[in-house]
Structure formats: structure tokens, C-alpha cells
Amino acid sequence: MMIKRFRVQATAAFGIESVVADEVKALGFDQVTVENGRVEYDADLSGIVRSNLWLRSADRVYIKLAEFKADTFEALFQGVRRIDWAAYIPQEGTFPVNAKSVKSTLFSLSDIQSISKKAIVEKLKETYATEWFKETGPRYSILISILKDQVLVLLDTSGDGLHKRGYREKGNEAPLKETLAAALVQISRWKSFIPMIDPLCGSGTLLIEAAMIGRNQAPGLNRQFDSEHWNWMPASVWDFERNSARNAIVEDASFKLEGYDLDPRSIRIARENAEKAGVADFIHFQVRDVADLSSRDKYGYILTNPPYGERLSDLREAEKLYGVMGDRFGRLDTWSWYVITAHEGFEASFGKKATKNRKLYNGRIKCYFYQYFGPRPPRRPKEEIEND
């Protein structure tokens, strides 16, 4: 493989692109640009591996193979065919083609897929001198993304979405994606010296992601990725980056995370998930009603994802719950509160207007992240910070 540097895209849910960009920059990548739904940057092979292991809020990591305009299927075919596909896909490789199209002349996804697939096959024939590709080897998934007739050809290095950390086999009915949960923790600017409570913790995702951040634990450490099976991605690169990630974990980390839920099954699942994630010793889970919320800590964060009620009867219950939350949270008036919900009338039921509101998407569900800022917690003594 002659190519050593790549233009990489980390895709992101709407509203958290800036969070992903901050993560990308923190990993040391340069030439970073931010657009709707994606963050682009330059990376080598090690950088691609590091991105998959460490990006907490991104959906997937792609290599950008080409970008061109196409308002006819012929232009699409020729643009895809120009790519040196044999540099990426071996003769036995499996190469499914997916497509998406927004505000473009070419809108039939099945036609975009089949024509792009045909172009790839025609190009591969030139190198491998065969008429038939069995596609029995590792997967090289390709995405043809068209926006306003501008085509992006992307090679998926991740495989399963990055939200699949490997710790959440079970969840509640409306699970918060792990990637969004990690973004919310980062948006809140939580630090490990600040106590955090999720009084409606469900399967524990918010607190588990916070614990992984507090321990400096790479979210992708316990899963597999498509690109680690590619013939031009050396196993030694994966081994080195995984070992580096393991060595980066702060084993003696100390922070106070508490999760409550009225449902004993949810608490049981949350504990199981935390165990799988390797952070069970860092989170206290307990069956407890939000109406009983209290804390002896003067400062802290509440971060939660309450039910929002899709049916009318559930909506009334949700609004009643928001009223209870407003009362109990109000008793912790030196704390900061962070609530994500899809219910647009949350503030009215909660009884307080948020300091800040941010529109986000959990999958395809439009949500709002209501942020209520309390007084800034006092900083720890300098010697404690230096010993982190």
C-alpha cells in the first residue's frame, strides 16, 4: 500500500460536530474542518486506528476516496470508476455499497448503489483480470453520499457504528446512544472532582460514559473494527495503539458518580453494563425515586435523560415527572442541572427556564439539551490537580 496519508471523515450527529472536532484536535490531528454532520482531518494509518479507538462522540470514521459533482448516472459511474480501487480492496474482499442522497438530481438509492458497484467492479477487473468477484474476504464498506449533486465516496474503517462499545447488550425502551451520552458529558464540562448524579439513570449510559472519561479509558478498546482485518492495515499498528490505550487508563482514578432509578430491573442492567465496561467500581447504582433526590455535597452536577412520553397518557405522566424534578432539583440550588429530552414543553412543566438550550439528535429523534448553570464549584488544591 503506497498511500500513507489520508483525508479522514468522522461523522457526527447534528448538533455535536463541535464536540467531535474538539476530540479530533485533542488527539493531535491537523487540517481540521467542520461541516454539518462531519469533521474532516488528515491522518495516517496509526491515526485511523487511534480515531476508532478514542473518538467518543463520532458515529463512524471514514477515509474520503473522492469528491466530485454528478447530476447524471454516467457522471457518477465515471467518477467512481476513476478511483484506484485495487489500492484499497483485495481480490477476495467483500465490498457492499451503501448510498444516501439529499437535495440532489440523483435520488434513487438503489440505482446509485448498483451503478457505483458496477463502476467499482469494472475498475477492479483491470487489476485482477477476472470477471467475477466472490467477495468472501474481509469487509470494505463503501458509502456514496450525495448532497446537492456533490458526491463523496467514503470507505468505512469502523464497521459497526462507534456507539457500539460492547458493554450495552441490554437497555431500556428508549436508549440514549453512547456517542451522544459521551457528548453530553463533555458539553457539561464535567470534571472528575465534581460529584454527578443521574436520578433517572435507566441502563446507566450517561454515568458509564462519564466514568470512562474520568478514567481516560478509550471507548473502542473492547470491540472490533472492519479495518483491523484489512490486508494493508498492519496488525502491529492495532497492537501498538491498543496497548497505548490500555496504558493510558488511570487505574487509581477517584470520582463520585451515582445513578438512581425506581425500576429495579434498570438498576440491575446498569450494574451489568458498568461491569462489562470495566467501570463498575466507580459508579454507585441504587433503586431510588427521583422524588427522594438529595445530596450532602454542596456542589455537583445532575445529568439525566428522563422519559418524554410519546403517547398522550405517557406525556401527562412525563410532565408530572418534570414537575417533581423541578421541585427536587431546586433543593440542590448550588448544583448545575443538565436534562436532555424530546419534549419541547419541558421548561414549562419543570418550572424553570434553562440558562442555555441546545438542539441535538438521538438517532432520528430531535431532542433538546436544557442546561441550568449553578455557581462554579471551587477548584481543588493545586497539588491535587498536579497529581491527576
Protein backbone atom coordinates (compact mmCIF):
# COMPACT_ATOMS: atom_id res chain seq x y z
CA MET A 1 0.00 0.00 0.00
CA MET A 2 1.68 3.18 -1.19
CA ILE A 3 -0.70 5.68 0.41
CA LYS A 4 0.50 6.85 3.81
CA ARG A 5 -1.73 9.86 4.46
CA PHE A 6 -5.49 10.07 4.14
CA ARG A 7 -8.24 12.63 4.32
CA VAL A 8 -10.46 11.25 7.05
CA GLN A 9 -14.06 11.98 7.97
CA ALA A 10 -15.53 11.43 11.41
CA THR A 11 -19.29 11.65 11.04
CA ALA A 12 -21.37 13.16 13.82
CA ALA A 13 -24.99 13.58 14.84
CA PHE A 14 -26.44 17.02 14.20
CA GLY A 15 -25.54 19.43 16.98
CA ILE A 16 -22.40 17.74 18.28
CA GLU A 17 -19.98 18.38 15.41
CA SER A 18 -18.03 20.85 17.56
CA VAL A 19 -17.65 18.23 20.30
CA VAL A 20 -16.23 15.74 17.79
CA ALA A 21 -13.93 18.45 16.39
CA ASP A 22 -12.57 19.11 19.89
CA GLU A 23 -11.92 15.39 20.34
CA VAL A 24 -10.15 15.20 16.96
CA LYS A 25 -7.91 18.15 17.86
CA ALA A 26 -7.17 16.67 21.30
CA LEU A 27 -5.88 13.54 19.54
CA GLY A 28 -3.35 15.72 17.73
CA PHE A 29 -4.76 15.74 14.20
CA ASP A 30 -4.40 18.76 11.95
CA GLN A 31 -6.10 20.38 8.95
CA VAL A 32 -9.40 20.01 10.80
CA THR A 33 -12.54 21.34 9.13
CA VAL A 34 -16.10 21.15 10.45
CA GLU A 35 -19.25 20.82 8.33
CA ASN A 36 -22.81 19.70 9.01
CA GLY A 37 -22.67 16.09 10.15
CA ARG A 38 -18.93 15.60 9.77
CA VAL A 39 -15.43 16.60 10.82
CA GLU A 40 -12.58 16.23 8.30
CA TYR A 41 -8.88 15.95 9.10
CA ASP A 42 -5.62 14.40 7.90
CA ALA A 43 -4.38 11.12 9.38
CA ASP A 44 -2.03 8.23 8.68
CA LEU A 45 -2.71 4.55 9.39
CA SER A 46 -1.99 4.97 13.10
CA GLY A 47 -4.30 7.98 13.15
CA ILE A 48 -7.16 5.96 11.67
CA VAL A 49 -6.71 3.32 14.35
CA ARG A 50 -6.44 5.95 17.08
CA SER A 51 -9.60 7.66 15.82
CA ASN A 52 -11.61 4.45 16.04
CA LEU A 53 -10.33 3.61 19.50
CA TRP A 54 -10.62 7.08 21.05
CA LEU A 55 -13.38 9.15 19.43
CA ARG A 56 -16.22 9.16 21.95
CA SER A 57 -18.90 11.19 20.17
CA ALA A 58 -18.37 10.39 16.46
CA ASP A 59 -20.60 7.90 14.61
CA ARG A 60 -18.03 6.40 12.23
CA VAL A 61 -14.57 7.01 10.80
CA TYR A 62 -14.30 7.08 7.00
CA ILE A 63 -11.48 7.54 4.51
CA LYS A 64 -12.50 10.05 1.84
CA LEU A 65 -11.57 8.50 -1.52
CA ALA A 66 -13.03 11.09 -3.88
CA GLU A 67 -15.26 14.13 -4.19
CA PHE A 68 -16.85 15.24 -7.47
CA LYS A 69 -20.03 16.62 -8.96
CA ALA A 70 -22.55 14.31 -10.65
CA ASP A 71 -26.03 15.13 -11.86
CA THR A 72 -26.23 12.14 -14.23
CA PHE A 73 -25.65 8.44 -13.64
CA GLU A 74 -22.92 8.49 -16.30
CA ALA A 75 -21.03 11.17 -14.35
CA LEU A 76 -21.48 9.11 -11.18
CA PHE A 77 -20.20 5.96 -12.91
CA GLN A 78 -17.12 7.69 -14.32
CA GLY A 79 -16.33 9.48 -11.05
CA VAL A 80 -16.44 6.27 -9.05
CA ARG A 81 -14.54 4.35 -11.72
CA ARG A 82 -11.63 6.84 -11.63
CA ILE A 83 -10.68 5.73 -8.12
CA ASP A 84 -7.83 3.22 -7.86
CA TRP A 85 -9.97 0.63 -6.11
CA ALA A 86 -7.32 -2.10 -6.14
CA ALA A 87 -5.25 0.08 -3.80
CA TYR A 88 -7.93 -0.50 -1.15
CA ILE A 89 -9.86 -3.69 -1.98
CA PRO A 90 -8.12 -7.06 -2.49
CA GLN A 91 -9.46 -9.57 -4.99
CA GLU A 92 -11.30 -11.60 -2.31
CA GLY A 93 -12.62 -8.51 -0.45
CA THR A 94 -16.31 -8.02 0.29
CA PHE A 95 -17.37 -4.54 -0.78
CA PRO A 96 -21.02 -3.62 -0.07
CA VAL A 97 -22.08 -0.22 -1.37
CA ASN A 98 -24.48 1.99 0.59
CA ALA A 99 -25.91 5.31 -0.53
CA LYS A 100 -27.63 8.42 0.70
CA SER A 101 -28.83 11.41 -1.29
CA VAL A 102 -30.12 14.80 -0.16
CA LYS A 103 -31.40 17.59 -2.43
CA SER A 104 -29.76 16.01 -5.49
CA THR A 105 -30.71 15.19 -9.08
CA LEU A 106 -29.78 11.55 -8.44
CA PHE A 107 -32.11 10.38 -5.70
CA SER A 108 -32.81 6.68 -6.27
CA LEU A 109 -30.62 4.99 -3.66
CA SER A 110 -30.87 1.56 -5.28
CA ASP A 111 -29.72 2.96 -8.64
CA ILE A 112 -26.89 4.93 -7.01
CA GLN A 113 -25.74 1.75 -5.27
CA SER A 114 -25.93 -0.54 -8.30
CA ILE A 115 -24.22 1.90 -10.70
CA SER A 116 -21.46 2.66 -8.20
CA LYS A 117 -20.96 -1.06 -7.55
CA LYS A 118 -20.70 -1.70 -11.28
CA ALA A 119 -18.09 1.07 -11.61
CA ILE A 120 -16.00 -0.44 -8.80
CA VAL A 121 -16.19 -3.91 -10.37
CA GLU A 122 -15.18 -2.60 -13.79
CA LYS A 123 -12.16 -0.86 -12.28
CA LEU A 124 -11.12 -3.89 -10.22
CA LYS A 125 -11.31 -6.09 -13.34
CA GLU A 126 -8.42 -4.10 -14.83
CA THR A 127 -6.11 -5.12 -11.97
CA TYR A 128 -7.30 -8.61 -11.08
CA ALA A 129 -8.08 -9.90 -14.59
CA THR A 130 -11.25 -11.67 -13.54
CA GLU A 131 -14.91 -11.36 -14.49
CA TRP A 132 -16.29 -12.45 -11.11
CA PHE A 133 -15.54 -11.37 -7.54
CA LYS A 134 -16.65 -13.91 -4.95
CA GLU A 135 -16.47 -11.40 -2.07
CA THR A 136 -15.57 -13.96 0.57
CA GLY A 137 -12.93 -11.92 2.41
CA PRO A 138 -12.92 -9.01 4.90
CA ARG A 139 -15.49 -6.24 4.52
CA TYR A 140 -14.65 -2.92 2.82
CA SER A 141 -17.91 -0.99 3.12
CA ILE A 142 -18.34 1.95 0.74
CA LEU A 143 -20.70 4.88 1.19
CA ILE A 144 -21.78 7.06 -1.74
CA SER A 145 -23.05 10.27 -0.17
CA ILE A 146 -24.62 12.90 -2.45
CA LEU A 147 -25.59 16.37 -1.27
CA LYS A 148 -26.76 18.95 -3.81
CA ASP A 149 -25.19 16.89 -6.63
CA GLN A 150 -21.80 16.84 -4.85
CA VAL A 151 -20.63 13.24 -4.45
CA LEU A 152 -18.47 11.94 -1.62
CA VAL A 153 -17.04 8.43 -1.93
CA LEU A 154 -16.17 7.12 1.51
CA LEU A 155 -14.56 3.92 2.80
CA ASP A 156 -15.84 2.86 6.23
CA THR A 157 -12.97 1.94 8.58
CA SER A 158 -15.22 1.32 11.59
CA GLY A 159 -17.76 -1.32 10.59
CA ASP A 160 -20.37 -1.23 13.34
CA GLY A 161 -21.11 2.31 14.50
CA LEU A 162 -18.79 3.69 17.16
CA HIS A 163 -21.69 3.83 19.64
CA LYS A 164 -21.37 0.05 19.91
CA ARG A 165 -18.78 -0.01 22.68
CA GLY A 166 -19.52 -3.62 23.59
CA TYR A 167 -20.87 -3.02 27.08
CA ARG A 168 -24.58 -2.48 26.44
CA GLU A 169 -26.25 -5.70 25.37
CA LYS A 170 -29.39 -4.69 27.22
CA GLY A 171 -31.03 -1.30 27.53
CA ASN A 172 -34.26 0.44 28.38
CA GLU A 173 -37.02 1.17 25.87
CA ALA A 174 -35.64 4.49 24.58
CA PRO A 175 -31.89 4.18 24.94
CA LEU A 176 -29.57 7.13 24.70
CA LYS A 177 -26.83 6.40 22.18
CA GLU A 178 -23.45 6.00 23.83
CA THR A 179 -21.87 8.54 21.48
CA LEU A 180 -24.46 11.19 22.38
CA ALA A 181 -24.13 10.37 26.08
CA ALA A 182 -20.38 10.98 25.85
CA ALA A 183 -21.02 14.27 24.03
CA LEU A 184 -23.43 15.43 26.75
CA VAL A 185 -20.85 14.76 29.47
CA GLN A 186 -18.32 16.79 27.51
CA ILE A 187 -20.76 19.64 26.78
CA SER A 188 -21.47 19.87 30.51
CA ARG A 189 -17.73 20.41 31.14
CA TRP A 190 -17.86 17.82 33.93
CA LYS A 191 -14.56 17.25 35.73
CA SER A 192 -13.70 14.25 37.90
CA PHE A 193 -13.65 16.33 41.12
CA ILE A 194 -17.34 17.27 40.65
CA PRO A 195 -19.93 14.80 42.03
CA MET A 196 -22.52 13.75 39.45
CA ILE A 197 -25.95 12.17 39.90
CA ASP A 198 -28.27 10.74 37.27
CA PRO A 199 -31.57 10.36 39.18
CA LEU A 200 -33.30 8.62 36.23
CA CYS A 201 -30.35 6.56 35.05
CA GLY A 202 -32.08 3.75 33.15
CA SER A 203 -29.37 1.43 31.83
CA GLY A 204 -26.63 3.74 33.12
CA THR A 205 -25.20 5.02 29.85
CA LEU A 206 -24.54 8.63 30.91
CA LEU A 207 -22.67 7.61 34.04
CA ILE A 208 -20.74 4.82 32.31
CA GLU A 209 -19.54 7.26 29.65
CA ALA A 210 -18.59 9.76 32.36
CA ALA A 211 -16.63 7.09 34.21
CA MET A 212 -14.78 6.14 31.03
CA ILE A 213 -13.90 9.80 30.50
CA GLY A 214 -12.83 10.13 34.14
CA ARG A 215 -10.56 7.10 33.80
CA ASN A 216 -9.23 8.19 30.39
CA GLN A 217 -10.49 4.87 29.04
CA ALA A 218 -10.69 4.61 25.26
CA PRO A 219 -14.32 3.80 24.34
CA GLY A 220 -13.36 1.45 21.49
CA LEU A 221 -10.91 -0.65 23.48
CA ASN A 222 -13.18 -3.68 23.86
CA ARG A 223 -14.57 -4.08 20.35
CA GLN A 224 -13.58 -4.99 16.80
CA PHE A 225 -13.39 -2.80 13.68
CA ASP A 226 -13.60 -3.67 9.99
CA SER A 227 -10.26 -2.08 9.14
CA GLU A 228 -8.26 -4.26 11.52
CA HIS A 229 -8.90 -7.13 9.09
CA TRP A 230 -7.71 -5.23 6.01
CA ASN A 231 -4.62 -6.54 4.21
CA TRP A 232 -2.97 -3.11 4.12
CA MET A 233 -3.64 -2.21 7.76
CA PRO A 234 -0.77 -3.82 9.72
CA ALA A 235 -1.76 -5.76 12.85
CA SER A 236 1.25 -4.18 14.55
CA VAL A 237 -0.41 -0.74 14.29
CA TRP A 238 -3.52 -2.03 16.02
CA ASP A 239 -1.47 -3.79 18.69
CA PHE A 240 0.59 -0.67 19.40
CA GLU A 241 -2.42 1.66 19.61
CA ARG A 242 -4.43 -0.76 21.78
CA ASN A 243 -1.51 -1.21 24.18
CA SER A 244 -1.06 2.56 24.32
CA ALA A 245 -4.75 2.96 25.11
CA ARG A 246 -4.58 0.35 27.88
CA ASN A 247 -1.56 2.05 29.40
CA ALA A 248 -3.35 5.41 29.32
CA ILE A 249 -6.13 4.26 31.68
CA VAL A 250 -5.96 5.94 35.10
CA GLU A 251 -6.39 2.90 37.35
CA ASP A 252 -6.50 4.86 40.61
CA ALA A 253 -8.98 7.45 39.36
CA SER A 254 -11.32 8.86 42.01
CA PHE A 255 -14.68 10.47 41.41
CA LYS A 256 -18.24 10.33 42.71
CA LEU A 257 -20.90 9.09 40.28
CA GLU A 258 -24.34 7.99 41.48
CA GLY A 259 -27.23 6.55 39.49
CA TYR A 260 -30.78 6.10 40.73
CA ASP A 261 -33.88 4.61 39.15
CA LEU A 262 -37.23 3.47 40.50
CA ASP A 263 -37.10 0.32 38.36
CA PRO A 264 -35.03 -2.50 39.96
CA ARG A 265 -34.56 -4.12 36.53
CA SER A 266 -32.99 -0.94 35.13
CA ILE A 267 -30.57 -0.76 38.06
CA ARG A 268 -29.65 -4.41 37.55
CA ILE A 269 -28.96 -3.80 33.85
CA ALA A 270 -26.99 -0.62 34.64
CA ARG A 271 -24.74 -2.57 37.00
CA GLU A 272 -24.23 -5.30 34.39
CA ASN A 273 -23.36 -2.71 31.74
CA ALA A 274 -20.92 -0.94 34.06
CA GLU A 275 -19.27 -4.27 34.81
CA LYS A 276 -18.85 -5.02 31.09
CA ALA A 277 -17.42 -1.53 30.55
CA GLY A 278 -14.89 -2.02 33.34
CA VAL A 279 -16.17 0.88 35.45
CA ALA A 280 -18.45 -0.87 37.98
CA ASP A 281 -16.20 0.14 40.89
CA PHE A 282 -16.58 3.83 40.02
CA ILE A 283 -20.40 4.18 39.98
CA HIS A 284 -22.90 3.68 42.80
CA PHE A 285 -26.28 2.48 41.48
CA GLN A 286 -29.35 2.35 43.71
CA VAL A 287 -33.11 1.82 43.44
CA ARG A 288 -34.46 5.22 44.42
CA ASP A 289 -37.30 7.57 43.43
CA VAL A 290 -36.38 10.95 41.94
CA ALA A 291 -38.84 12.38 44.48
CA ASP A 292 -36.33 11.37 47.15
CA LEU A 293 -33.36 13.05 45.48
CA SER A 294 -30.94 14.67 47.93
CA SER A 295 -27.22 15.11 48.46
CA ARG A 296 -24.89 16.29 51.20
CA ASP A 297 -22.46 17.64 48.62
CA LYS A 298 -22.66 21.41 48.28
CA TYR A 299 -21.70 21.41 44.60
CA GLY A 300 -22.34 18.89 41.86
CA TYR A 301 -23.96 18.08 38.53
CA ILE A 302 -27.27 16.43 37.74
CA LEU A 303 -27.17 14.93 34.25
CA THR A 304 -30.18 12.94 33.11
CA ASN A 305 -32.34 11.70 30.24
CA PRO A 306 -35.91 11.43 31.61
CA PRO A 307 -38.85 9.82 29.76
CA TYR A 308 -40.55 12.23 27.38
CA GLY A 309 -43.85 10.49 26.63
CA GLU A 310 -44.61 9.51 23.04
CA ARG A 311 -48.27 8.67 23.77
CA LEU A 312 -50.68 11.18 25.29
CA SER A 313 -51.07 9.23 28.55
CA ASP A 314 -47.29 8.88 28.81
CA LEU A 315 -46.91 12.59 28.03
CA ARG A 316 -49.07 13.53 31.02
CA GLU A 317 -47.00 11.23 33.23
CA ALA A 318 -43.79 12.71 31.85
CA GLU A 319 -44.97 16.26 32.54
CA LYS A 320 -45.91 15.30 36.09
CA LEU A 321 -42.42 13.81 36.48
CA TYR A 322 -40.82 17.04 35.19
CA GLY A 323 -42.68 18.95 37.90
CA VAL A 324 -41.27 16.62 40.55
CA MET A 325 -37.80 17.04 39.04
CA GLY A 326 -38.15 20.83 39.17
CA ASP A 327 -39.02 20.69 42.86
CA ARG A 328 -36.27 18.26 43.86
CA PHE A 329 -33.55 19.79 41.66
CA GLY A 330 -34.46 23.20 43.07
CA ARG A 331 -33.44 22.00 46.53
CA LEU A 332 -29.92 21.49 45.19
CA ASP A 333 -29.70 25.12 44.19
CA THR A 334 -25.89 25.29 44.18
CA TRP A 335 -25.72 22.41 41.69
CA SER A 336 -25.80 22.56 37.89
CA TRP A 337 -28.54 20.60 36.13
CA TYR A 338 -28.43 19.12 32.63
CA VAL A 339 -31.50 17.47 31.09
CA ILE A 340 -31.94 16.00 27.60
CA THR A 341 -35.48 15.34 26.40
CA ALA A 342 -37.50 15.32 23.20
CA HIS A 343 -40.39 17.10 24.93
CA GLU A 344 -40.45 20.71 23.69
CA GLY A 345 -42.56 21.92 26.64
CA PHE A 346 -40.13 20.65 29.25
CA GLU A 347 -39.32 24.05 30.79
CA ALA A 348 -42.99 24.84 31.47
CA SER A 349 -43.53 21.57 33.34
CA PHE A 350 -40.14 21.77 35.07
CA GLY A 351 -40.94 25.28 36.27
CA LYS A 352 -37.69 26.99 35.33
CA LYS A 353 -36.22 28.39 32.13
CA ALA A 354 -32.85 26.94 31.16
CA THR A 355 -29.69 29.03 31.16
CA LYS A 356 -28.90 27.52 27.77
CA ASN A 357 -30.66 25.19 25.35
CA ARG A 358 -29.06 23.12 22.60
CA LYS A 359 -30.85 21.15 19.85
CA LEU A 360 -29.47 17.65 19.30
CA TYR A 361 -30.47 14.38 17.70
CA ASN A 362 -30.57 10.98 19.39
CA GLY A 363 -30.71 8.81 16.28
CA ARG A 364 -33.58 10.39 14.36
CA ILE A 365 -35.27 11.82 17.44
CA LYS A 366 -34.96 15.59 17.82
CA CYS A 367 -34.01 16.43 21.39
CA TYR A 368 -33.16 19.47 23.47
CA PHE A 369 -30.35 19.69 25.99
CA TYR A 370 -31.53 22.03 28.74
CA GLN A 371 -28.62 23.41 30.76
CA TYR A 372 -29.07 25.12 34.12
CA PHE A 373 -25.80 26.56 35.39
CA GLY A 374 -25.21 26.71 39.12
CA PRO A 375 -22.33 28.53 40.81
CA ARG A 376 -18.91 27.34 39.74
CA PRO A 377 -17.57 24.66 42.13
CA PRO A 378 -14.35 25.74 43.87
CA ARG A 379 -11.22 24.37 42.25
CA ARG A 380 -9.30 21.68 44.04
CA PRO A 381 -5.97 22.41 45.71
CA LYS A 382 -3.18 22.80 43.16
CA GLU A 383 -1.31 19.73 44.45
CA GLU A 384 -4.38 17.51 43.81
CA ILE A 385 -4.64 18.72 40.20
CA GLU A 386 -0.93 18.14 39.59
CA ASN A 387 -1.25 14.56 40.92
CA ASP A 388 -4.03 13.64 38.46
